[in-house]
Every structure is written in C-alpha cells, then in structure tokens.
Protein backbone atom coordinates (compact mmCIF):
# COMPACT_ATOMS: atom_id res chain seq x y z
CA MET A 1 -145.59 172.87 -131.29
CA VAL A 2 -146.90 172.94 -134.79
CA ARG A 3 -144.11 173.88 -137.30
CA LEU A 4 -145.84 173.30 -140.73
CA ILE A 5 -149.31 173.33 -142.08
CA ARG A 6 -150.06 171.44 -145.24
CA PHE A 7 -153.18 172.46 -147.05
CA GLU A 8 -154.68 169.96 -149.49
CA LYS A 9 -155.30 172.03 -152.58
CA ALA A 10 -159.15 171.84 -152.33
CA VAL A 11 -159.16 173.22 -148.83
CA ALA A 12 -156.94 176.21 -149.74
CA ASP A 13 -159.20 176.82 -152.90
CA SER A 14 -162.39 176.52 -150.75
CA ILE A 15 -161.05 179.11 -148.19
CA LEU A 16 -160.22 181.62 -151.01
CA THR A 17 -163.56 180.97 -152.80
CA ALA A 18 -165.56 181.48 -149.55
CA ALA A 19 -163.77 184.69 -148.71
CA MET A 20 -164.38 186.04 -152.26
CA SER A 21 -168.02 184.98 -152.19
CA ALA A 22 -168.62 186.79 -148.85
CA TYR A 23 -166.63 189.99 -149.66
CA PRO A 24 -167.08 192.77 -148.50
CA ARG A 25 -168.14 190.82 -145.41
CA GLU A 26 -165.93 188.44 -143.59
CA THR A 27 -166.36 184.76 -143.71
CA ILE A 28 -165.54 181.99 -141.23
CA LEU A 29 -165.01 178.23 -141.86
CA VAL A 30 -163.98 175.33 -139.58
CA LEU A 31 -160.89 173.39 -140.62
CA GLN A 32 -160.57 169.58 -140.19
CA GLY A 33 -157.34 167.66 -140.63
CA LYS A 34 -154.72 165.44 -139.02
CA LYS A 35 -151.88 166.27 -136.66
CA SER A 36 -148.75 164.10 -137.01
CA GLY A 37 -145.63 165.18 -135.12
CA ASN A 38 -145.10 168.86 -135.67
CA GLU A 39 -147.17 169.00 -138.77
CA ILE A 40 -150.96 169.51 -139.50
CA ARG A 41 -152.52 168.37 -142.83
CA LEU A 42 -155.75 170.13 -143.53
CA ASN A 43 -158.15 167.97 -145.62
CA ASN A 44 -161.65 169.38 -145.05
CA VAL A 45 -163.65 172.63 -144.65
CA LEU A 46 -166.86 172.87 -142.79
CA ILE A 47 -169.39 175.70 -142.85
CA PRO A 48 -170.26 176.39 -139.26
CA PRO A 49 -173.91 176.48 -138.33
CA LEU A 50 -175.50 179.94 -137.41
CA ALA A 51 -172.17 181.70 -138.15
CA THR A 52 -172.41 185.41 -138.45
CA TYR A 53 -170.78 187.18 -141.46
CA GLY A 54 -170.31 190.93 -140.78
CA ARG A 55 -168.40 193.98 -142.09
CA GLY A 56 -165.21 193.86 -140.08
CA PHE A 57 -166.08 190.65 -138.08
CA SER A 58 -167.30 187.03 -138.31
CA MET A 59 -168.29 184.76 -135.64
CA LEU A 60 -169.14 181.11 -134.88
CA LEU A 61 -170.85 179.57 -131.93
CA GLY A 62 -168.43 176.97 -130.54
CA SER A 63 -171.41 175.48 -128.73
CA MET A 64 -172.97 174.52 -132.12
CA LEU A 65 -169.99 172.53 -133.24
CA PRO A 66 -169.73 168.84 -132.36
CA TRP A 67 -166.80 167.74 -130.09
CA ASP A 68 -164.42 166.47 -132.83
CA LEU A 69 -160.66 165.82 -132.57
CA THR A 70 -160.34 166.40 -136.31
CA VAL A 71 -161.06 170.09 -135.87
CA MET A 72 -157.76 171.86 -136.17
CA GLY A 73 -158.86 175.39 -136.07
CA VAL A 74 -160.72 178.01 -138.19
CA ALA A 75 -160.26 180.13 -141.26
CA HIS A 76 -161.57 183.59 -141.73
CA SER A 77 -161.18 186.45 -144.25
CA HIS A 78 -159.97 189.96 -143.84
CA PRO A 79 -161.66 192.02 -146.49
CA SER A 80 -159.24 194.89 -145.49
CA GLY A 81 -156.29 193.00 -146.92
CA ALA A 82 -154.59 192.64 -143.54
CA LEU A 83 -152.70 189.47 -143.49
CA LYS A 84 -152.20 189.37 -139.75
CA PRO A 85 -154.50 188.64 -136.72
CA SER A 86 -156.15 191.31 -134.89
CA MET A 87 -156.26 191.34 -131.07
CA HIS A 88 -159.89 190.38 -131.35
CA ASP A 89 -158.81 187.36 -133.52
CA LEU A 90 -156.26 186.21 -130.90
CA ASN A 91 -158.69 186.68 -128.01
CA HIS A 92 -161.30 184.36 -129.66
CA PHE A 93 -158.89 181.80 -131.04
CA TYR A 94 -160.41 178.32 -131.58
CA GLY A 95 -158.44 175.23 -132.12
CA ARG A 96 -154.73 174.84 -132.68
CA ILE A 97 -154.37 177.17 -135.71
CA MET A 98 -155.99 180.19 -137.32
CA VAL A 99 -155.92 180.74 -141.08
CA ILE A 100 -156.50 184.30 -142.48
CA ALA A 101 -157.37 184.92 -146.08
CA ALA A 102 -156.68 188.48 -147.02
CA HIS A 103 -158.25 190.55 -149.99
CA PRO A 104 -157.97 190.21 -152.90
CA PHE A 105 -158.23 186.35 -152.36
CA GLN A 106 -156.67 185.62 -155.72
CA SER A 107 -153.67 183.34 -154.84
CA TYR A 108 -152.22 181.20 -152.13
CA ASP A 109 -150.08 184.07 -151.17
CA ASP A 110 -153.30 185.66 -149.69
CA LEU A 111 -153.33 182.94 -147.13
CA ALA A 112 -151.41 182.92 -143.71
CA VAL A 113 -151.51 180.59 -140.66
CA PHE A 114 -150.96 181.68 -137.09
CA ASP A 115 -150.83 180.04 -133.71
CA SER A 116 -152.57 181.23 -130.63
CA ASP A 117 -149.72 183.71 -129.82
CA GLY A 118 -150.13 185.33 -133.24
CA SER A 119 -146.87 183.75 -134.54
CA LYS A 120 -146.85 182.90 -138.29
CA ILE A 121 -146.63 179.25 -138.99
CA PRO A 122 -145.01 178.19 -142.51
CA HIS A 123 -147.50 176.45 -144.83
CA GLU A 124 -147.55 174.74 -148.27
CA ILE A 125 -150.18 173.64 -150.75
CA ILE A 126 -150.18 169.97 -151.52
CA PRO A 127 -152.27 167.69 -153.87
CA ASP A 128 -155.52 166.44 -152.45
CA ASP A 129 -155.39 163.08 -150.79
CA SER A 130 -156.86 160.35 -152.99
CA LYS A 131 -158.85 158.13 -150.62
C-alpha cells in the first residue's frame, strides 16, 4: 500500500503547466518514478502518444505505451475544478496512482493523488533529484 507520494518539483510544475495549456480541455500525462517501501517518488512526466484531449474527458491508449516498470500512473486535469476522481476515472485507472490537477492550476494545492479505490494519498513537493 502506497502511503506517500513525493513529487519532484519539475514534475508537479509540468502537470500544472500542461493542465493550464490544455484548458478548457482536459490533459493526460504518464508519470514515471520509483517505488520504495510505502512511498513513490515521481521524477518524470511523459506525453502519451495519440492521447485525446477533450472537453470533460482525456484518454490514452495503453497499447501505445511501452511496458515499463517505472510507470507509476497517470495525471490528468479537471477543468471543472473538481479535485476528486469521477467514476469514469476510477473505472479507467492505469498504474498505481492517479493524480488530478484541478482548475485554476495555480498552486500545488490544486493537485491531489488517489489510489485505485479513490482514496486520497498524501503528497509533498520535493527538490528535483540532481543526477
């Protein structure tokens, strides 16, 4: 069970920027990172190929993604401002976690993380890994 998500600052900033850029449409991104114990550290964002960005929905084709153990889940935006997953979101869950960015996409408070049951997972923003 994942108990904490650590976003590298660049990842959180990328999610918010993508959400603002797509507004009023939804956006969707693939999140890469590392799981260690009960924590996940998110360190990269990928733009999924052939994704669809619509008004009230976004979609990716899982078959277009490589099989990659660093994929931890997806992030998508809610232009409506709802900071909770819809039933559709939960029925199309991909990976270990789901991140939602809610309008107005202005601060880290506009991000929330959920597990496949729709339960909120605590998160924090950390400095980028200096590799």
